[in-house]
């Protein structure tokens, strides 16, 4: 694991092995620059402002960030994660799946 700093947010890049850093970054895609700790909007609203309509997906996000869905045979572990105090958490998975979690709701979508 290592930290990648974008827009005042520390993104945790989750890797099984140090030599896979580059592979995981490429699989996860570029870290979204639309998220900012300086914004007054929560992370879901920041994403909606950047990407427009975000189609919701059904599923569950565990405490460790694993995305479980009846459409997936096994759970997806996040490749990137961030926590913004007071604004929620973001988990990004292979294939463009993104989960936003705060105290009130969990929102899962796919960003292509």
Protein backbone atom coordinates (compact mmCIF):
# COMPACT_ATOMS: atom_id res chain seq x y z
CA UNK A 1 0.00 0.00 0.00
CA UNK A 2 1.11 3.54 -0.59
CA UNK A 3 -0.35 7.05 -0.53
CA UNK A 4 -0.98 9.14 -3.64
CA UNK A 5 -1.80 12.80 -2.90
CA UNK A 6 -4.34 14.54 -5.21
CA UNK A 7 -6.29 17.75 -4.43
CA UNK A 8 -5.48 17.73 -0.72
CA UNK A 9 -6.79 14.15 -0.46
CA UNK A 10 -4.59 11.21 0.44
CA UNK A 11 -5.59 8.26 -1.74
CA UNK A 12 -4.57 4.89 -0.37
CA UNK A 13 -3.43 2.72 -3.27
CA UNK A 14 -4.03 -0.83 -2.16
CA UNK A 15 -1.61 -3.40 -3.52
CA UNK A 16 -0.82 -6.93 -2.49
CA UNK A 17 2.86 -6.58 -3.39
CA UNK A 18 5.11 -3.57 -3.74
CA UNK A 19 6.11 -4.50 -7.32
CA UNK A 20 2.45 -4.34 -8.43
CA UNK A 21 2.03 -0.61 -7.73
CA UNK A 22 2.12 0.39 -11.40
CA UNK A 23 -0.25 -2.39 -12.42
CA UNK A 24 -2.80 -1.42 -9.77
CA UNK A 25 -2.69 2.27 -10.69
CA UNK A 26 -3.28 1.38 -14.36
CA UNK A 27 -6.14 -0.97 -13.50
CA UNK A 28 -7.81 1.54 -11.22
CA UNK A 29 -7.37 4.34 -13.71
CA UNK A 30 -6.32 7.86 -12.94
CA UNK A 31 -7.18 9.13 -9.50
CA UNK A 32 -10.17 11.46 -9.96
CA UNK A 33 -9.11 15.08 -9.69
CA UNK A 34 -12.75 16.11 -9.20
CA UNK A 35 -12.59 15.22 -5.50
CA UNK A 36 -11.28 17.92 -3.23
CA UNK A 37 -11.08 18.29 0.52
CA UNK A 38 -11.53 22.04 0.04
CA UNK A 39 -14.99 21.67 -1.54
CA UNK A 40 -18.08 22.32 0.56
CA UNK A 41 -19.86 19.47 -1.26
CA UNK A 42 -19.79 15.89 -0.02
CA UNK A 43 -17.99 13.35 -2.19
CA UNK A 44 -21.17 12.07 -3.88
CA UNK A 45 -22.20 15.58 -4.90
CA UNK A 46 -18.68 16.32 -6.13
CA UNK A 47 -18.85 13.23 -8.36
CA UNK A 48 -22.31 14.15 -9.67
CA UNK A 49 -21.08 17.63 -10.51
CA UNK A 50 -18.17 16.16 -12.47
CA UNK A 51 -19.83 13.17 -14.17
CA UNK A 52 -23.48 14.26 -14.30
CA UNK A 53 -26.02 11.54 -13.65
CA UNK A 54 -24.55 8.57 -11.79
CA UNK A 55 -26.62 5.39 -12.22
CA UNK A 56 -26.94 3.62 -8.85
CA UNK A 57 -26.04 -0.05 -8.49
CA UNK A 58 -27.21 -2.47 -5.83
CA UNK A 59 -24.72 -4.00 -3.46
CA UNK A 60 -23.17 -3.84 -0.03
CA UNK A 61 -19.89 -2.27 1.07
CA UNK A 62 -18.25 -4.00 4.03
CA UNK A 63 -16.20 -2.24 6.72
CA UNK A 64 -13.04 -3.10 4.79
CA UNK A 65 -14.43 -1.64 1.54
CA UNK A 66 -15.24 -4.93 -0.19
CA UNK A 67 -18.09 -4.53 -2.74
CA UNK A 68 -20.52 -7.45 -2.53
CA UNK A 69 -23.31 -7.80 -5.07
CA UNK A 70 -25.59 -10.59 -6.27
CA UNK A 71 -24.35 -9.77 -9.80
CA UNK A 72 -20.74 -10.64 -8.86
CA UNK A 73 -19.70 -14.18 -7.98
CA UNK A 74 -17.21 -12.92 -5.43
CA UNK A 75 -16.61 -9.63 -3.68
CA UNK A 76 -14.45 -6.92 -5.21
CA UNK A 77 -11.67 -5.45 -3.10
CA UNK A 78 -10.92 -1.76 -3.69
CA UNK A 79 -7.81 -0.68 -5.57
CA UNK A 80 -7.99 2.90 -4.35
CA UNK A 81 -9.57 4.37 -1.24
CA UNK A 82 -9.79 7.74 0.44
CA UNK A 83 -11.34 9.22 3.54
CA UNK A 84 -12.27 12.90 3.68
CA UNK A 85 -13.20 14.01 7.18
CA UNK A 86 -16.82 15.07 7.28
CA UNK A 87 -17.33 14.31 3.58
CA UNK A 88 -17.27 10.50 3.46
CA UNK A 89 -15.19 7.73 1.95
CA UNK A 90 -14.60 6.68 -1.66
CA UNK A 91 -13.61 3.19 -2.79
CA UNK A 92 -12.62 2.57 -6.42
CA UNK A 93 -12.64 -0.94 -7.87
CA UNK A 94 -11.43 -2.58 -11.06
CA UNK A 95 -13.88 -2.04 -13.92
CA UNK A 96 -14.92 1.49 -13.01
CA UNK A 97 -17.05 0.58 -9.99
CA UNK A 98 -17.05 3.31 -7.32
CA UNK A 99 -18.61 3.33 -3.86
CA UNK A 100 -19.29 6.43 -1.79
CA UNK A 101 -19.95 5.88 1.89
CA UNK A 102 -20.91 8.39 4.55
CA UNK A 103 -22.82 8.27 7.83
CA UNK A 104 -26.20 8.46 6.11
CA UNK A 105 -25.91 6.51 2.87
CA UNK A 106 -23.91 4.24 0.61
CA UNK A 107 -23.96 5.01 -3.10
CA UNK A 108 -22.47 2.58 -5.62
CA UNK A 109 -22.09 3.44 -9.30
CA UNK A 110 -19.95 2.76 -12.33
CA UNK A 111 -17.90 5.50 -13.98
CA UNK A 112 -16.72 4.71 -17.50
